[in-house]
C-alpha cells in the first residue's frame, strides 16, 4: 500500500544510490490502481500504455467503449492481453524525500495496457482502435501514450543462482 508506514519510511530515507539517481527520474507517474477489467494474460514482449481521463459526464460511456474494445483486442493475433485500470491512489500528504529530489510526480486517472508478442500488432491496434481521435469520440481526454519492450527476464532459479 502506498500509504503504509514502511513504504513511506523507505521513500523518506533514500539510499545514496537513490539520491544519486532520483534527479534523473523526472516526470514520474506513480499510481496505485484498481483493475476494472482484464482480458488475456501472460508475459508479453511488447506493451503499449495509454494514460487518459474521462471527459466530464462521460465516464460510463468511455468505460463501456473501452471494455468492448479491450475484450475484442485481447484475442487478436499478435496480442496477449488488454487491461483497464483506474487510479485509486490515496493522498499521502506532504511530498516524500524522493519526490522532493525528483520534483512533482504525476498521477494517471485511467490506464489502458495492451500487450502482445508482436510489436507491430500492438502498434496497429493502438493506431486503429485506441487512437486519440477514437478515444476522444468515446469520451476521453488528456491522453499520453507509452511503448515498452521486454528486454530480459529471469526465472526463480536464475535469481537463486546469483
C-alpha atoms as a PDB file:
ATOM      1  CA  UNK A   1       0.000   0.000   0.000  1.00  0.00           C
ATOM      2  CA  UNK A   2       1.385   3.395  -0.964  1.00  0.00           C
ATOM      3  CA  UNK A   3       0.468   4.879   2.411  1.00  0.00           C
ATOM      4  CA  UNK A   4       1.862   2.185   4.712  1.00  0.00           C
ATOM      5  CA  UNK A   5       4.351   3.485   7.224  1.00  0.00           C
ATOM      6  CA  UNK A   6       7.011   1.048   5.990  1.00  0.00           C
ATOM      7  CA  UNK A   7       6.670   2.271   2.394  1.00  0.00           C
ATOM      8  CA  UNK A   8       6.696   5.954   3.384  1.00  0.00           C
ATOM      9  CA  UNK A   9       9.713   5.367   5.651  1.00  0.00           C
ATOM     10  CA  UNK A  10      11.604   3.878   2.676  1.00  0.00           C
ATOM     11  CA  UNK A  11      10.689   6.834   0.416  1.00  0.00           C
ATOM     12  CA  UNK A  12      11.755   9.282   3.103  1.00  0.00           C
ATOM     13  CA  UNK A  13      15.147   7.607   3.653  1.00  0.00           C
ATOM     14  CA  UNK A  14      16.520   7.021   0.152  1.00  0.00           C
ATOM     15  CA  UNK A  15      19.787   5.145  -0.197  1.00  0.00           C
ATOM     16  CA  UNK A  16      22.841   7.007  -1.506  1.00  0.00           C
ATOM     17  CA  UNK A  17      22.254   5.331  -4.894  1.00  0.00           C
ATOM     18  CA  UNK A  18      18.617   6.521  -4.940  1.00  0.00           C
ATOM     19  CA  UNK A  19      19.723  10.049  -4.059  1.00  0.00           C
ATOM     20  CA  UNK A  20      22.150   9.948  -6.983  1.00  0.00           C
ATOM     21  CA  UNK A  21      19.610   8.527  -9.470  1.00  0.00           C
ATOM     22  CA  UNK A  22      16.390  10.328  -8.444  1.00  0.00           C
ATOM     23  CA  UNK A  23      17.266  13.655 -10.132  1.00  0.00           C
ATOM     24  CA  UNK A  24      17.320  11.742 -13.444  1.00  0.00           C
ATOM     25  CA  UNK A  25      13.808  10.331 -12.932  1.00  0.00           C
ATOM     26  CA  UNK A  26      11.826  13.414 -13.881  1.00  0.00           C
ATOM     27  CA  UNK A  27       8.159  13.272 -14.786  1.00  0.00           C
ATOM     28  CA  UNK A  28       7.475  10.065 -12.848  1.00  0.00           C
ATOM     29  CA  UNK A  29       3.907   8.845 -12.736  1.00  0.00           C
ATOM     30  CA  UNK A  30       3.221   6.630  -9.742  1.00  0.00           C
ATOM     31  CA  UNK A  31      -0.354   5.474  -9.329  1.00  0.00           C
ATOM     32  CA  UNK A  32      -1.963   2.764  -7.272  1.00  0.00           C
ATOM     33  CA  UNK A  33      -4.743   1.279  -9.380  1.00  0.00           C
ATOM     34  CA  UNK A  34      -7.765  -0.979  -9.256  1.00  0.00           C
ATOM     35  CA  UNK A  35      -8.118  -3.440 -12.105  1.00  0.00           C
ATOM     36  CA  UNK A  36     -11.511  -2.795 -13.685  1.00  0.00           C
ATOM     37  CA  UNK A  37     -11.181  -5.356 -16.484  1.00  0.00           C
ATOM     38  CA  UNK A  38      -8.523  -7.796 -17.598  1.00  0.00           C
ATOM     39  CA  UNK A  39      -8.638  -9.827 -20.787  1.00  0.00           C
ATOM     40  CA  UNK A  40      -5.935 -12.320 -21.765  1.00  0.00           C
ATOM     41  CA  UNK A  41      -2.677 -12.592 -19.890  1.00  0.00           C
ATOM     42  CA  UNK A  42       0.804 -13.977 -19.864  1.00  0.00           C
ATOM     43  CA  UNK A  43       4.150 -12.252 -20.171  1.00  0.00           C
ATOM     44  CA  UNK A  44       4.480 -10.385 -23.455  1.00  0.00           C
ATOM     45  CA  UNK A  45       7.409  -8.813 -25.260  1.00  0.00           C
ATOM     46  CA  UNK A  46       5.640  -5.535 -26.126  1.00  0.00           C
ATOM     47  CA  UNK A  47       3.408  -3.231 -24.122  1.00  0.00           C
ATOM     48  CA  UNK A  48       1.513  -0.082 -25.024  1.00  0.00           C
ATOM     49  CA  UNK A  49       0.242   2.111 -22.209  1.00  0.00           C
ATOM     50  CA  UNK A  50      -2.344   4.844 -22.513  1.00  0.00           C
ATOM     51  CA  UNK A  51      -2.996   7.231 -19.658  1.00  0.00           C
ATOM     52  CA  UNK A  52      -6.221   9.170 -20.023  1.00  0.00           C
ATOM     53  CA  UNK A  53      -9.070  10.865 -18.221  1.00  0.00           C
ATOM     54  CA  UNK A  54     -12.783  10.769 -18.942  1.00  0.00           C
ATOM     55  CA  UNK A  55     -14.441  13.927 -20.206  1.00  0.00           C
ATOM     56  CA  UNK A  56     -16.885  15.444 -17.706  1.00  0.00           C
ATOM     57  CA  UNK A  57     -20.072  13.410 -17.576  1.00  0.00           C
ATOM     58  CA  UNK A  58     -18.796  10.733 -19.980  1.00  0.00           C
ATOM     59  CA  UNK A  59     -17.029   8.246 -17.680  1.00  0.00           C
ATOM     60  CA  UNK A  60     -19.653   5.498 -18.061  1.00  0.00           C
ATOM     61  CA  UNK A  61     -19.684   5.882 -21.856  1.00  0.00           C
ATOM     62  CA  UNK A  62     -15.889   5.760 -22.063  1.00  0.00           C
ATOM     63  CA  UNK A  63     -15.649   2.762 -19.753  1.00  0.00           C
ATOM     64  CA  UNK A  64     -18.237   0.824 -21.797  1.00  0.00           C
ATOM     65  CA  UNK A  65     -16.359   1.641 -25.013  1.00  0.00           C
ATOM     66  CA  UNK A  66     -13.036   0.535 -23.541  1.00  0.00           C
ATOM     67  CA  UNK A  67     -14.455  -2.706 -22.155  1.00  0.00           C
ATOM     68  CA  UNK A  68     -15.869  -3.640 -25.560  1.00  0.00           C
ATOM     69  CA  UNK A  69     -12.683  -2.663 -27.376  1.00  0.00           C
ATOM     70  CA  UNK A  70     -10.257  -4.316 -24.971  1.00  0.00           C
ATOM     71  CA  UNK A  71     -12.286  -7.514 -24.777  1.00  0.00           C
ATOM     72  CA  UNK A  72     -12.125  -7.843 -28.565  1.00  0.00           C
ATOM     73  CA  UNK A  73      -8.438  -6.907 -28.844  1.00  0.00           C
ATOM     74  CA  UNK A  74      -7.077  -9.464 -26.362  1.00  0.00           C
ATOM     75  CA  UNK A  75      -7.785 -12.380 -28.680  1.00  0.00           C
ATOM     76  CA  UNK A  76      -6.352 -10.848 -31.858  1.00  0.00           C
ATOM     77  CA  UNK A  77      -3.251 -12.458 -33.412  1.00  0.00           C
ATOM     78  CA  UNK A  78      -0.073 -10.925 -32.013  1.00  0.00           C
ATOM     79  CA  UNK A  79      -1.805  -9.639 -28.864  1.00  0.00           C
ATOM     80  CA  UNK A  80      -1.885 -11.331 -25.474  1.00  0.00           C
ATOM     81  CA  UNK A  81      -3.718  -9.054 -23.074  1.00  0.00           C
ATOM     82  CA  UNK A  82      -5.754  -5.899 -22.664  1.00  0.00           C
ATOM     83  CA  UNK A  83      -6.460  -4.289 -19.307  1.00  0.00           C
ATOM     84  CA  UNK A  84      -8.251  -1.250 -17.873  1.00  0.00           C
ATOM     85  CA  UNK A  85      -7.069   0.212 -14.568  1.00  0.00           C
ATOM     86  CA  UNK A  86      -8.491   3.140 -12.613  1.00  0.00           C
ATOM     87  CA  UNK A  87      -6.333   5.098 -10.224  1.00  0.00           C
ATOM     88  CA  UNK A  88      -7.109   4.621  -6.573  1.00  0.00           C
ATOM     89  CA  UNK A  89      -4.031   6.375  -5.177  1.00  0.00           C
ATOM     90  CA  UNK A  90      -4.504   7.551  -1.609  1.00  0.00           C
ATOM     91  CA  UNK A  91      -3.303  11.017  -0.673  1.00  0.00           C
ATOM     92  CA  UNK A  92      -0.130  10.878   1.401  1.00  0.00           C
ATOM     93  CA  UNK A  93       0.074  14.489   2.482  1.00  0.00           C
ATOM     94  CA  UNK A  94       3.500  16.067   2.166  1.00  0.00           C
ATOM     95  CA  UNK A  95       5.843  15.033  -0.645  1.00  0.00           C
ATOM     96  CA  UNK A  96       8.304  12.311   0.307  1.00  0.00           C
ATOM     97  CA  UNK A  97      12.051  12.916   0.266  1.00  0.00           C
ATOM     98  CA  UNK A  98      12.285  11.035  -3.053  1.00  0.00           C
ATOM     99  CA  UNK A  99       9.557  13.245  -4.562  1.00  0.00           C
ATOM    100  CA  UNK A 100      11.371  16.360  -3.365  1.00  0.00           C
ATOM    101  CA  UNK A 101      14.573  15.166  -5.072  1.00  0.00           C
ATOM    102  CA  UNK A 102      12.754  14.330  -8.354  1.00  0.00           C
ATOM    103  CA  UNK A 103      10.255  17.139  -8.442  1.00  0.00           C
ATOM    104  CA  UNK A 104       6.500  16.744  -8.613  1.00  0.00           C
ATOM    105  CA  UNK A 105       5.272  13.257  -9.547  1.00  0.00           C
ATOM    106  CA  UNK A 106       2.267  12.890 -11.799  1.00  0.00           C
ATOM    107  CA  UNK A 107      -0.686  10.553 -11.458  1.00  0.00           C
ATOM    108  CA  UNK A 108      -2.843   8.865 -14.043  1.00  0.00           C
ATOM    109  CA  UNK A 109      -6.641   8.776 -13.852  1.00  0.00           C
ATOM    110  CA  UNK A 110      -7.246   5.761 -16.096  1.00  0.00           C
ATOM    111  CA  UNK A 111      -4.662   3.430 -17.605  1.00  0.00           C
ATOM    112  CA  UNK A 112      -5.064   1.088 -20.570  1.00  0.00           C
ATOM    113  CA  UNK A 113      -2.455  -1.659 -21.027  1.00  0.00           C
ATOM    114  CA  UNK A 114      -2.232  -3.557 -24.300  1.00  0.00           C
ATOM    115  CA  UNK A 115       0.351  -6.347 -24.514  1.00  0.00           C
ATOM    116  CA  UNK A 116       1.485  -8.665 -27.243  1.00  0.00           C
ATOM    117  CA  UNK A 117       4.202 -10.897 -28.618  1.00  0.00           C
ATOM    118  CA  UNK A 118       4.228  -8.914 -31.893  1.00  0.00           C
ATOM    119  CA  UNK A 119       5.181  -5.224 -31.501  1.00  0.00           C
ATOM    120  CA  UNK A 120       3.679  -4.398 -34.903  1.00  0.00           C
ATOM    121  CA  UNK A 121       0.345  -5.933 -33.898  1.00  0.00           C
ATOM    122  CA  UNK A 122       0.333  -3.881 -30.702  1.00  0.00           C
ATOM    123  CA  UNK A 123       1.081  -0.718 -32.686  1.00  0.00           C
ATOM    124  CA  UNK A 124      -1.593  -1.451 -35.309  1.00  0.00           C
ATOM    125  CA  UNK A 125      -4.190  -1.987 -32.577  1.00  0.00           C
ATOM    126  CA  UNK A 126      -3.283   1.297 -30.894  1.00  0.00           C
ATOM    127  CA  UNK A 127      -3.476   3.176 -34.197  1.00  0.00           C
ATOM    128  CA  UNK A 128      -6.783   1.601 -35.255  1.00  0.00           C
ATOM    129  CA  UNK A 129      -8.768   1.102 -32.047  1.00  0.00           C
ATOM    130  CA  UNK A 130      -7.047   3.211 -29.380  1.00  0.00           C
ATOM    131  CA  UNK A 131      -6.053   6.320 -31.334  1.00  0.00           C
ATOM    132  CA  UNK A 132      -6.629   9.683 -29.668  1.00  0.00           C
ATOM    133  CA  UNK A 133      -9.356  10.585 -32.163  1.00  0.00           C
ATOM    134  CA  UNK A 134     -11.242   7.331 -31.463  1.00  0.00           C
ATOM    135  CA  UNK A 135     -10.953   7.690 -27.701  1.00  0.00           C
ATOM    136  CA  UNK A 136     -11.828  11.402 -27.795  1.00  0.00           C
ATOM    137  CA  UNK A 137     -15.058  10.498 -29.621  1.00  0.00           C
ATOM    138  CA  UNK A 138     -15.776   7.900 -26.912  1.00  0.00           C
ATOM    139  CA  UNK A 139     -15.314  10.458 -24.111  1.00  0.00           C
ATOM    140  CA  UNK A 140     -11.578  10.527 -23.328  1.00  0.00           C
ATOM    141  CA  UNK A 141      -9.225  13.463 -22.849  1.00  0.00           C
ATOM    142  CA  UNK A 142      -5.643  14.185 -21.720  1.00  0.00           C
ATOM    143  CA  UNK A 143      -4.146  11.116 -23.378  1.00  0.00           C
ATOM    144  CA  UNK A 144      -0.500  10.110 -23.049  1.00  0.00           C
ATOM    145  CA  UNK A 145       0.940   7.038 -24.752  1.00  0.00           C
ATOM    146  CA  UNK A 146       3.964   4.924 -23.914  1.00  0.00           C
ATOM    147  CA  UNK A 147       5.658   1.927 -25.521  1.00  0.00           C
ATOM    148  CA  UNK A 148       7.759  -0.657 -23.744  1.00  0.00           C
ATOM    149  CA  UNK A 149       9.616  -3.824 -24.713  1.00  0.00           C
ATOM    150  CA  UNK A 150      10.678  -6.692 -22.515  1.00  0.00           C
ATOM    151  CA  UNK A 151      14.446  -6.843 -22.668  1.00  0.00           C
ATOM    152  CA  UNK A 152      15.213  -9.563 -20.156  1.00  0.00           C
ATOM    153  CA  UNK A 153      13.512 -11.915 -17.721  1.00  0.00           C
ATOM    154  CA  UNK A 154      14.763 -14.274 -15.041  1.00  0.00           C
ATOM    155  CA  UNK A 155      13.259 -17.406 -13.544  1.00  0.00           C
ATOM    156  CA  UNK A 156      13.356 -18.031  -9.773  1.00  0.00           C
ATOM    157  CA  UNK A 157      16.206 -20.454 -10.426  1.00  0.00           C
ATOM    158  CA  UNK A 158      18.179 -17.714 -12.216  1.00  0.00           C
ATOM    159  CA  UNK A 159      17.718 -15.361  -9.271  1.00  0.00           C
ATOM    160  CA  UNK A 160      18.738 -18.047  -6.780  1.00  0.00           C
ATOM    161  CA  UNK A 161      21.989 -18.629  -8.711  1.00  0.00           C
ATOM    162  CA  UNK A 162      23.081 -15.007  -8.321  1.00  0.00           C
END
